[in-house]
């Protein structure tokens, strides 16, 4: 009996020691490997499901003594002794508040600002973008924000229908047909014909290859717009369906496909909690390229983008100059708007719901980020603009548009040269793009984006319509 008791005690001690070492090993590991940050499973229907995970906090923070500084806004060499030294354009004790947010009203309200705290576990960001040939805008968002945005949900519609190939986008799809096996379209319906999909074709050809593991691609069908459906609503539906492990504080970034969000604003939204919901964004408006800046007060004359904005045009005209909601948490979107985009654009939250939604981590206050980024309206080649209008519903096409390329292409060139919008109104002011007025990624790669930084028809003799 004595020997048995001794053996039991030895085994117990050994197990305790083993658990201690296992605990030390477990907590010494990073939250996730960089290479396995996002993993994909497969739903029973064969659609790819993206599983969100957390990044190690060292990706976004740097230590200065006992202080945690935001890496993006900190001069690491000058920071020491528990003090964060900010680089120009950043403020705050931890250098995490971009200068563009310093003038926001609630930043100066003690009862609200006291709840603003830095998070060690960053929020996961899901950017949702309808797509109609805006390759440059999508590339800029992906390559400029890929280390901040966790998932890019993107969808496209084309009215020129072709037969859907069963070898792609189904449960039996062959991965050899795709550059990245993750880019399998989330088919919005079954037994349908699939439109011609230029974005999908380019992704299959290897475009953005290194970032395709973060892209959820959705081909949206014309039938999805029936019965009050919309482009963005369809994308939201697939975002919550094909992205798993969502948390209430995960953030949806909503765009029309023509907007580029500032990187410093994105850092703030990702790393802090305690700022109010919902968030609206006012963008610097440009037309055809960054060489035409839309004059103040003329934004309302810029037509909305593609089919998605049929929703927005149904809203009350009194709110037409109010910026759209651009960022909203899963918690707020589900409880305040029931995942309905039409309610989101309306922005009205019942009084009885406001009290329920408002918390210290997420107080209710409808606010706007001024100069949150850039909107570049129909910043496309002449051929792509023609194709875009050609595939726009008849009710939304400009009244001057015809299906004749020979007459329309020179006409569109004239619009670009003189800064006239789809209603033939001159809304733009010629501005020479500079490092301060162009998105950083486009400026750094301006040779590849010359068509966006210089008016291609400026020196060509074209008669004005006026």
Protein backbone atom coordinates (compact mmCIF):
# COMPACT_ATOMS: atom_id res chain seq x y z
CA UNK A 1 0.00 0.00 0.00
CA UNK A 2 2.84 2.38 0.88
CA UNK A 3 4.57 1.75 -2.46
CA UNK A 4 1.28 2.24 -4.31
CA UNK A 5 0.70 5.56 -2.58
CA UNK A 6 4.25 6.69 -3.43
CA UNK A 7 3.74 5.75 -7.09
CA UNK A 8 0.44 7.63 -7.23
CA UNK A 9 2.04 10.71 -5.74
CA UNK A 10 4.93 10.52 -8.21
CA UNK A 11 2.50 10.23 -11.12
CA UNK A 12 0.47 13.18 -9.79
CA UNK A 13 3.60 15.33 -9.44
CA UNK A 14 4.74 14.35 -12.94
CA UNK A 15 1.35 15.28 -14.40
CA UNK A 16 1.41 18.65 -12.61
CA UNK A 17 4.89 19.39 -13.95
CA UNK A 18 3.82 18.32 -17.45
CA UNK A 19 0.80 20.66 -17.32
CA UNK A 20 3.03 23.51 -16.14
CA UNK A 21 5.41 23.05 -19.08
CA UNK A 22 2.53 22.70 -21.52
CA UNK A 23 1.03 25.92 -20.17
CA UNK A 24 4.34 27.77 -20.50
CA UNK A 25 4.72 26.52 -24.08
CA UNK A 26 1.13 27.37 -25.04
CA UNK A 27 1.19 30.94 -23.75
CA UNK A 28 4.60 31.58 -25.30
CA UNK A 29 3.23 30.90 -28.79
CA UNK A 30 2.10 33.78 -31.04
CA UNK A 31 -1.66 34.12 -31.49
CA UNK A 32 -1.40 32.84 -35.07
CA UNK A 33 1.23 32.10 -37.64
CA UNK A 34 1.37 34.73 -40.37
CA UNK A 35 0.99 31.99 -42.96
CA UNK A 36 -2.12 30.58 -41.33
CA UNK A 37 -3.78 33.84 -40.41
CA UNK A 38 -6.74 33.02 -42.65
CA UNK A 39 -7.80 29.48 -43.38
CA UNK A 40 -10.53 28.17 -45.62
CA UNK A 41 -12.96 25.36 -45.10
CA UNK A 42 -15.72 24.23 -47.38
CA UNK A 43 -19.46 24.36 -46.86
CA UNK A 44 -21.63 21.35 -47.78
CA UNK A 45 -22.57 23.17 -51.00
CA UNK A 46 -18.92 23.49 -52.01
CA UNK A 47 -18.57 27.21 -51.30
CA UNK A 48 -15.35 28.28 -49.67
CA UNK A 49 -15.64 29.51 -46.08
CA UNK A 50 -13.00 31.85 -44.71
CA UNK A 51 -12.16 31.49 -41.03
CA UNK A 52 -11.03 34.66 -39.28
CA UNK A 53 -8.24 34.57 -36.73
CA UNK A 54 -6.37 37.15 -34.70
CA UNK A 55 -3.00 38.56 -35.64
CA UNK A 56 -0.15 38.79 -33.10
CA UNK A 57 -0.33 42.18 -31.39
CA UNK A 58 3.32 42.83 -32.33
CA UNK A 59 2.17 43.39 -35.93
CA UNK A 60 0.51 46.67 -34.95
CA UNK A 61 2.32 47.72 -31.75
CA UNK A 62 5.83 48.47 -30.58
CA UNK A 63 6.96 48.70 -26.94
CA UNK A 64 8.67 51.70 -25.41
CA UNK A 65 9.54 50.69 -21.89
CA UNK A 66 6.24 49.80 -20.26
CA UNK A 67 4.26 51.77 -22.82
CA UNK A 68 2.59 50.30 -25.89
CA UNK A 69 2.86 52.50 -28.99
CA UNK A 70 1.00 52.21 -32.28
CA UNK A 71 3.66 51.17 -34.77
CA UNK A 72 2.08 53.07 -37.69
CA UNK A 73 2.27 56.46 -35.96
CA UNK A 74 5.42 56.05 -33.86
CA UNK A 75 9.00 57.10 -34.47
CA UNK A 76 10.53 53.91 -33.05
CA UNK A 77 14.09 55.22 -32.97
CA UNK A 78 13.14 58.32 -30.98
CA UNK A 79 10.75 56.52 -28.59
CA UNK A 80 12.24 55.30 -25.31
CA UNK A 81 11.75 55.25 -21.56
CA UNK A 82 8.01 54.61 -21.73
CA UNK A 83 7.34 57.53 -24.07
CA UNK A 84 5.91 57.25 -27.59
CA UNK A 85 7.25 59.85 -30.00
CA UNK A 86 4.82 60.45 -32.86
CA UNK A 87 5.68 60.97 -36.48
CA UNK A 88 4.02 63.94 -38.25
CA UNK A 89 0.32 63.41 -38.80
CA UNK A 90 -0.24 61.35 -35.64
CA UNK A 91 -1.28 62.41 -32.14
CA UNK A 92 -2.09 60.91 -28.77
CA UNK A 93 -0.15 59.36 -25.90
CA UNK A 94 0.37 56.20 -27.92
CA UNK A 95 0.54 57.88 -31.34
CA UNK A 96 -2.61 56.14 -32.52
CA UNK A 97 -4.92 59.01 -33.45
CA UNK A 98 -4.45 60.42 -36.97
CA UNK A 99 -4.49 64.19 -37.25
CA UNK A 100 -7.55 64.08 -39.52
CA UNK A 101 -9.59 62.87 -36.52
CA UNK A 102 -8.41 65.51 -34.09
CA UNK A 103 -11.18 67.89 -35.15
CA UNK A 104 -14.02 65.39 -34.70
CA UNK A 105 -16.54 66.83 -32.25
CA UNK A 106 -16.81 63.89 -29.82
CA UNK A 107 -13.01 63.90 -29.38
CA UNK A 108 -13.55 66.96 -27.21
CA UNK A 109 -16.46 65.59 -25.14
CA UNK A 110 -15.06 64.23 -21.83
CA UNK A 111 -17.90 61.77 -21.34
CA UNK A 112 -17.15 60.08 -24.67
CA UNK A 113 -13.39 60.43 -25.04
CA UNK A 114 -12.76 58.78 -21.65
CA UNK A 115 -13.95 55.47 -23.13
CA UNK A 116 -11.55 55.58 -26.08
CA UNK A 117 -9.00 52.85 -25.42
CA UNK A 118 -6.34 51.03 -27.38
CA UNK A 119 -7.01 47.33 -27.93
CA UNK A 120 -4.32 44.70 -27.64
CA UNK A 121 -6.49 42.39 -29.71
CA UNK A 122 -7.18 44.34 -32.88
CA UNK A 123 -10.61 44.34 -34.50
CA UNK A 124 -10.99 42.28 -37.64
CA UNK A 125 -11.99 44.40 -40.63
CA UNK A 126 -14.16 43.17 -43.49
CA UNK A 127 -14.26 45.47 -46.52
CA UNK A 128 -17.29 45.01 -48.79
CA UNK A 129 -17.06 46.43 -52.31
CA UNK A 130 -19.40 46.19 -55.29
CA UNK A 131 -17.31 46.07 -58.46
CA UNK A 132 -17.96 47.39 -61.98
CA UNK A 133 -14.58 47.51 -63.72
CA UNK A 134 -12.85 49.62 -61.00
CA UNK A 135 -9.65 47.55 -61.13
CA UNK A 136 -7.43 50.46 -60.09
CA UNK A 137 -9.53 51.31 -57.04
CA UNK A 138 -9.76 47.70 -55.90
CA UNK A 139 -6.02 47.18 -56.37
CA UNK A 140 -5.27 50.33 -54.37
CA UNK A 141 -7.46 49.22 -51.48
CA UNK A 142 -6.06 45.69 -51.44
CA UNK A 143 -2.37 46.55 -51.77
CA UNK A 144 -2.61 49.66 -49.60
CA UNK A 145 -4.62 48.09 -46.77
CA UNK A 146 -3.93 44.35 -46.97
CA UNK A 147 -2.11 44.22 -43.63
CA UNK A 148 -5.05 46.00 -41.94
CA UNK A 149 -8.13 44.61 -43.68
CA UNK A 150 -8.71 40.95 -42.91
CA UNK A 151 -11.19 40.11 -45.66
CA UNK A 152 -12.14 41.77 -48.95
CA UNK A 153 -15.64 40.75 -50.02
CA UNK A 154 -16.09 41.80 -53.64
CA UNK A 155 -18.80 41.09 -56.18
CA UNK A 156 -19.51 42.01 -59.77
CA UNK A 157 -22.46 42.01 -62.16
CA UNK A 158 -22.45 41.95 -65.92
CA UNK A 159 -25.57 41.87 -68.05
CA UNK A 160 -23.94 40.00 -70.92
CA UNK A 161 -24.86 36.49 -69.83
CA UNK A 162 -23.03 33.35 -70.79
CA UNK A 163 -23.47 29.79 -69.69
CA UNK A 164 -22.10 29.01 -66.24
CA UNK A 165 -19.27 26.51 -66.44
CA UNK A 166 -19.90 23.68 -63.99
CA UNK A 167 -16.16 23.09 -63.66
CA UNK A 168 -15.78 26.29 -61.66
CA UNK A 169 -17.54 27.48 -58.54
CA UNK A 170 -19.20 24.18 -57.64
CA UNK A 171 -18.42 21.52 -55.09
CA UNK A 172 -16.60 19.56 -57.80
CA UNK A 173 -14.54 22.49 -59.06
CA UNK A 174 -11.00 21.61 -59.96
CA UNK A 175 -8.41 23.72 -58.16
CA UNK A 176 -6.16 23.50 -61.19
CA UNK A 177 -8.49 25.91 -62.98
CA UNK A 178 -7.78 28.65 -60.46
CA UNK A 179 -4.59 30.55 -59.66
CA UNK A 180 -5.51 30.43 -55.98
CA UNK A 181 -7.95 27.65 -55.03
CA UNK A 182 -9.56 30.06 -52.57
CA UNK A 183 -10.94 32.19 -55.39
CA UNK A 184 -13.95 30.01 -55.95
CA UNK A 185 -17.03 32.13 -56.54
CA UNK A 186 -19.76 32.08 -53.93
CA UNK A 187 -22.62 31.38 -56.31
CA UNK A 188 -25.61 33.41 -55.21
CA UNK A 189 -28.16 31.01 -56.68
CA UNK A 190 -28.18 27.59 -58.26
CA UNK A 191 -29.22 26.54 -61.75
CA UNK A 192 -28.64 30.00 -63.21
CA UNK A 193 -26.66 31.38 -66.06
CA UNK A 194 -23.59 33.31 -64.94
CA UNK A 195 -22.72 36.75 -66.35
CA UNK A 196 -19.42 37.53 -67.98
CA UNK A 197 -17.14 38.30 -65.04
CA UNK A 198 -13.99 40.33 -65.87
CA UNK A 199 -12.79 40.56 -62.25
CA UNK A 200 -12.98 36.82 -61.81
CA UNK A 201 -11.10 36.28 -65.07
CA UNK A 202 -8.30 38.56 -63.95
CA UNK A 203 -8.06 36.92 -60.54
CA UNK A 204 -7.87 33.53 -62.21
CA UNK A 205 -5.07 34.89 -64.37
CA UNK A 206 -2.95 35.63 -61.29
CA UNK A 207 -3.83 39.25 -60.51
CA UNK A 208 -3.27 40.05 -56.79
CA UNK A 209 -2.00 36.48 -56.40
CA UNK A 210 -0.32 37.10 -53.02
CA UNK A 211 -3.53 38.52 -51.54
CA UNK A 212 -6.12 36.18 -52.97
CA UNK A 213 -6.32 34.25 -49.69
CA UNK A 214 -8.07 37.33 -48.26
CA UNK A 215 -10.60 37.74 -51.07
CA UNK A 216 -14.15 36.40 -50.96
CA UNK A 217 -15.48 36.68 -54.49
CA UNK A 218 -19.23 36.82 -55.21
CA UNK A 219 -20.74 36.80 -58.72
CA UNK A 220 -24.08 38.58 -58.32
CA UNK A 221 -26.96 37.67 -60.62
CA UNK A 222 -29.62 39.95 -62.06
CA UNK A 223 -32.24 37.81 -60.32
CA UNK A 224 -30.78 38.87 -56.96
CA UNK A 225 -32.10 42.40 -57.52
CA UNK A 226 -35.70 41.29 -57.81
CA UNK A 227 -38.03 41.68 -54.86
CA UNK A 228 -36.14 44.61 -53.38
CA UNK A 229 -32.72 42.97 -53.44
CA UNK A 230 -29.59 45.00 -54.07
CA UNK A 231 -25.94 44.60 -54.97
CA UNK A 232 -24.57 45.55 -51.57
CA UNK A 233 -27.26 43.60 -49.73
CA UNK A 234 -26.22 40.46 -51.60
CA UNK A 235 -22.58 41.04 -50.68
CA UNK A 236 -23.46 41.58 -47.01
CA UNK A 237 -25.45 38.35 -47.08
CA UNK A 238 -22.45 36.42 -48.37
CA UNK A 239 -20.05 38.22 -46.03
CA UNK A 240 -21.84 36.91 -42.95
CA UNK A 241 -22.40 33.53 -44.58
CA UNK A 242 -18.93 32.80 -45.96
CA UNK A 243 -16.80 34.42 -43.24
CA UNK A 244 -16.88 32.40 -40.05
CA UNK A 245 -15.85 33.11 -36.44
CA UNK A 246 -17.25 36.63 -36.61
CA UNK A 247 -17.25 38.53 -33.33
CA UNK A 248 -19.71 41.30 -32.38
CA UNK A 249 -16.92 43.89 -32.45
CA UNK A 250 -15.66 42.95 -35.92
CA UNK A 251 -16.06 45.89 -38.27
CA UNK A 252 -17.69 46.06 -41.70
CA UNK A 253 -16.17 48.68 -44.03
CA UNK A 254 -18.78 49.49 -46.68
CA UNK A 255 -17.83 51.11 -50.00
CA UNK A 256 -19.48 51.67 -53.37
CA UNK A 257 -16.43 50.35 -55.19
CA UNK A 258 -15.22 53.87 -56.07
CA UNK A 259 -13.78 54.81 -52.67
CA UNK A 260 -10.30 54.49 -51.23
CA UNK A 261 -10.14 54.67 -47.45
CA UNK A 262 -7.21 56.48 -45.86
CA UNK A 263 -4.72 54.14 -44.25
CA UNK A 264 -4.38 56.16 -41.03
CA UNK A 265 -8.17 56.20 -40.57
CA UNK A 266 -8.23 52.41 -41.08
CA UNK A 267 -5.52 51.95 -38.43
CA UNK A 268 -7.56 53.94 -35.91
CA UNK A 269 -10.77 52.02 -36.61
CA UNK A 270 -8.92 48.72 -36.23
CA UNK A 271 -6.90 49.36 -33.07
CA UNK A 272 -9.27 51.39 -30.87
CA UNK A 273 -12.56 50.73 -29.17
CA UNK A 274 -14.84 53.17 -27.42
CA UNK A 275 -15.47 55.36 -30.45
CA UNK A 276 -19.14 55.91 -31.34
CA UNK A 277 -21.24 54.00 -33.87
CA UNK A 278 -22.19 54.32 -36.67
CA UNK A 279 -19.34 55.94 -38.62
CA UNK A 280 -19.89 57.99 -41.77
CA UNK A 281 -17.17 58.96 -44.23
CA UNK A 282 -16.92 62.06 -46.36
CA UNK A 283 -14.49 61.59 -49.22
CA UNK A 284 -12.61 63.98 -51.45
CA UNK A 285 -14.51 63.76 -54.71
CA UNK A 286 -12.80 63.28 -58.06
CA UNK A 287 -14.09 62.65 -61.57
CA UNK A 288 -12.41 60.47 -64.23
CA UNK A 289 -9.11 60.77 -62.37
CA UNK A 290 -7.33 62.75 -59.68
CA UNK A 291 -6.79 65.57 -62.16
CA UNK A 292 -10.47 66.66 -61.84
CA UNK A 293 -11.54 67.57 -58.32
CA UNK A 294 -15.28 67.97 -57.80
CA UNK A 295 -16.12 71.42 -56.49
CA UNK A 296 -17.83 71.73 -53.12
CA UNK A 297 -21.59 71.72 -53.45
CA UNK A 298 -21.42 69.81 -56.74
CA UNK A 299 -21.13 66.35 -55.15
CA UNK A 300 -24.86 65.80 -55.52
CA UNK A 301 -24.45 66.07 -59.28
CA UNK A 302 -22.14 63.09 -59.37
CA UNK A 303 -24.24 60.09 -60.32
CA UNK A 304 -24.17 57.11 -58.01
CA UNK A 305 -22.16 54.07 -58.93
CA UNK A 306 -23.68 51.13 -60.81
CA UNK A 307 -26.70 49.07 -59.80
CA UNK A 308 -25.97 49.12 -56.09
CA UNK A 309 -26.95 52.72 -55.66
CA UNK A 310 -30.51 52.14 -56.74
CA UNK A 311 -30.96 51.58 -53.00
CA UNK A 312 -29.56 54.96 -52.10
CA UNK A 313 -31.64 56.81 -54.63
CA UNK A 314 -34.75 55.39 -52.99
CA UNK A 315 -33.82 57.13 -49.73
CA UNK A 316 -35.26 60.45 -48.64
CA UNK A 317 -33.87 63.30 -50.74
CA UNK A 318 -33.34 65.30 -47.55
CA UNK A 319 -30.37 63.08 -46.71
CA UNK A 320 -28.74 63.20 -50.14
CA UNK A 321 -25.83 65.35 -48.96
CA UNK A 322 -25.27 63.28 -45.83
CA UNK A 323 -22.30 60.94 -46.19
CA UNK A 324 -23.04 57.24 -46.23
CA UNK A 325 -22.28 54.99 -43.27
CA UNK A 326 -18.87 53.52 -44.06
CA UNK A 327 -18.05 51.55 -40.90
CA UNK A 328 -20.30 49.64 -38.55
CA UNK A 329 -19.71 46.79 -36.14
CA UNK A 330 -21.40 43.42 -36.55
CA UNK A 331 -23.16 44.07 -33.22
CA UNK A 332 -24.52 47.45 -34.31
CA UNK A 333 -25.44 46.37 -37.84
CA UNK A 334 -27.35 43.31 -36.66
CA UNK A 335 -29.20 44.99 -33.79
CA UNK A 336 -29.82 48.46 -35.20
CA UNK A 337 -30.40 47.59 -38.86
CA UNK A 338 -31.04 43.83 -38.86
CA UNK A 339 -28.37 43.39 -41.56
CA UNK A 340 -30.56 45.41 -43.96
CA UNK A 341 -28.62 47.77 -46.22
CA UNK A 342 -31.71 49.88 -46.95
CA UNK A 343 -32.10 50.61 -43.22
CA UNK A 344 -28.38 51.28 -42.97
CA UNK A 345 -28.46 53.92 -45.72
CA UNK A 346 -31.48 55.50 -44.07
CA UNK A 347 -29.48 55.61 -40.84
CA UNK A 348 -32.48 56.09 -38.59
CA UNK A 349 -32.32 54.17 -35.32
CA UNK A 350 -35.48 54.08 -33.14
CA UNK A 351 -35.10 55.83 -29.79
CA UNK A 352 -35.91 52.68 -27.84
CA UNK A 353 -33.14 50.84 -29.70
CA UNK A 354 -30.52 53.53 -29.08
CA UNK A 355 -30.49 53.00 -25.30
CA UNK A 356 -30.04 49.26 -25.81
CA UNK A 357 -27.19 49.72 -28.32
CA UNK A 358 -25.20 52.40 -26.50
CA UNK A 359 -22.41 50.94 -24.35
CA UNK A 360 -19.09 52.20 -23.02
CA UNK A 361 -17.26 50.22 -25.71
CA UNK A 362 -19.63 51.37 -28.45
CA UNK A 363 -21.61 54.50 -27.58
CA UNK A 364 -24.37 55.51 -29.97
CA UNK A 365 -23.55 58.71 -31.85
CA UNK A 366 -23.92 59.28 -35.57
CA UNK A 367 -20.68 61.00 -36.61
CA UNK A 368 -18.66 61.73 -39.74
CA UNK A 369 -14.98 61.43 -40.57
CA UNK A 370 -14.16 64.36 -42.82
CA UNK A 371 -11.54 63.71 -45.50
CA UNK A 372 -11.73 59.97 -44.79
CA UNK A 373 -10.25 59.17 -48.18
CA UNK A 374 -10.90 59.58 -51.89
CA UNK A 375 -13.80 58.82 -54.16
CA UNK A 376 -12.84 58.59 -57.81
CA UNK A 377 -16.05 58.47 -59.86
CA UNK A 378 -15.91 56.54 -63.17
CA UNK A 379 -12.12 56.66 -63.11
CA UNK A 380 -11.88 54.25 -66.01
CA UNK A 381 -10.60 54.10 -69.55
CA UNK A 382 -12.90 55.41 -72.28
CA UNK A 383 -13.64 51.85 -73.40
CA UNK A 384 -14.47 50.77 -69.84
CA UNK A 385 -16.77 53.77 -69.32
CA UNK A 386 -18.64 52.82 -72.49
CA UNK A 387 -18.89 49.20 -71.32
CA UNK A 388 -20.07 50.34 -67.88
CA UNK A 389 -22.89 52.47 -69.32
CA UNK A 390 -23.77 49.74 -71.79
CA UNK A 391 -24.40 47.32 -68.92
CA UNK A 392 -26.22 49.86 -66.74
CA UNK A 393 -30.01 49.47 -66.49
CA UNK A 394 -31.78 51.57 -69.11
CA UNK A 395 -33.42 53.78 -66.46
CA UNK A 396 -29.95 54.74 -65.13
CA UNK A 397 -28.17 55.31 -68.43
CA UNK A 398 -27.37 58.92 -69.38
CA UNK A 399 -30.00 60.23 -71.80
CA UNK A 400 -27.32 60.92 -74.43
CA UNK A 401 -25.95 57.37 -74.41
CA UNK A 402 -26.31 55.03 -77.36
CA UNK A 403 -24.90 51.58 -78.10
CA UNK A 404 -22.73 52.87 -80.96
CA UNK A 405 -19.02 52.80 -79.96
CA UNK A 406 -18.03 54.93 -82.97
CA UNK A 407 -20.06 57.89 -81.68
CA UNK A 408 -19.84 57.27 -77.95
CA UNK A 409 -16.07 56.86 -77.52
CA UNK A 410 -15.23 60.36 -78.87
CA UNK A 411 -18.12 61.77 -76.83
CA UNK A 412 -16.74 60.25 -73.61
CA UNK A 413 -13.27 61.57 -74.44
CA UNK A 414 -14.78 65.05 -74.62
CA UNK A 415 -16.37 64.64 -71.19
CA UNK A 416 -13.04 63.63 -69.69
CA UNK A 417 -11.16 66.49 -71.35
CA UNK A 418 -13.51 69.18 -70.04
CA UNK A 419 -14.51 67.64 -66.70
CA UNK A 420 -18.19 67.19 -67.46
CA UNK A 421 -20.29 64.60 -65.66
CA UNK A 422 -22.92 62.22 -67.06
CA UNK A 423 -25.45 65.09 -67.09
CA UNK A 424 -23.03 67.18 -69.19
CA UNK A 425 -22.47 69.57 -66.26
CA UNK A 426 -18.99 70.87 -65.58
CA UNK A 427 -18.43 69.83 -61.97
CA UNK A 428 -14.68 69.51 -61.87
CA UNK A 429 -11.84 71.91 -61.19
CA UNK A 430 -8.55 71.07 -62.88
CA UNK A 431 -5.96 70.27 -60.21
CA UNK A 432 -2.41 69.12 -60.66
CA UNK A 433 -2.17 65.92 -58.59
CA UNK A 434 0.48 65.91 -55.89
CA UNK A 435 1.65 63.67 -53.08
CA UNK A 436 -0.78 65.45 -50.74
CA UNK A 437 -3.85 65.00 -52.94
CA UNK A 438 -3.45 61.48 -54.33
CA UNK A 439 -3.73 58.16 -52.45
CA UNK A 440 -0.20 57.13 -51.36
CA UNK A 441 -0.21 53.81 -53.23
CA UNK A 442 -1.17 55.50 -56.50
CA UNK A 443 1.41 58.25 -56.00
CA UNK A 444 4.15 55.71 -55.23
CA UNK A 445 3.25 53.83 -58.40
CA UNK A 446 2.22 56.81 -60.52
CA UNK A 447 3.91 55.43 -63.63
CA UNK A 448 1.38 52.59 -63.57
CA UNK A 449 -1.48 55.01 -62.89
CA UNK A 450 -0.60 57.80 -65.32
CA UNK A 451 -4.16 57.72 -66.67
CA UNK A 452 -5.40 58.71 -63.18
CA UNK A 453 -2.83 61.39 -62.43
CA UNK A 454 -2.82 63.26 -65.74
CA UNK A 455 -5.70 64.14 -68.06
CA UNK A 456 -4.98 61.97 -71.14
CA UNK A 457 -6.90 64.36 -73.42
CA UNK A 458 -5.62 67.65 -72.02
CA UNK A 459 -3.47 68.48 -75.05
CA UNK A 460 -5.69 66.83 -77.66
CA UNK A 461 -7.89 69.16 -79.71
CA UNK A 462 -11.51 68.25 -78.94
CA UNK A 463 -14.38 70.68 -79.33
CA UNK A 464 -16.29 71.49 -76.15
CA UNK A 465 -20.01 70.78 -75.99
CA UNK A 466 -20.78 74.21 -74.57
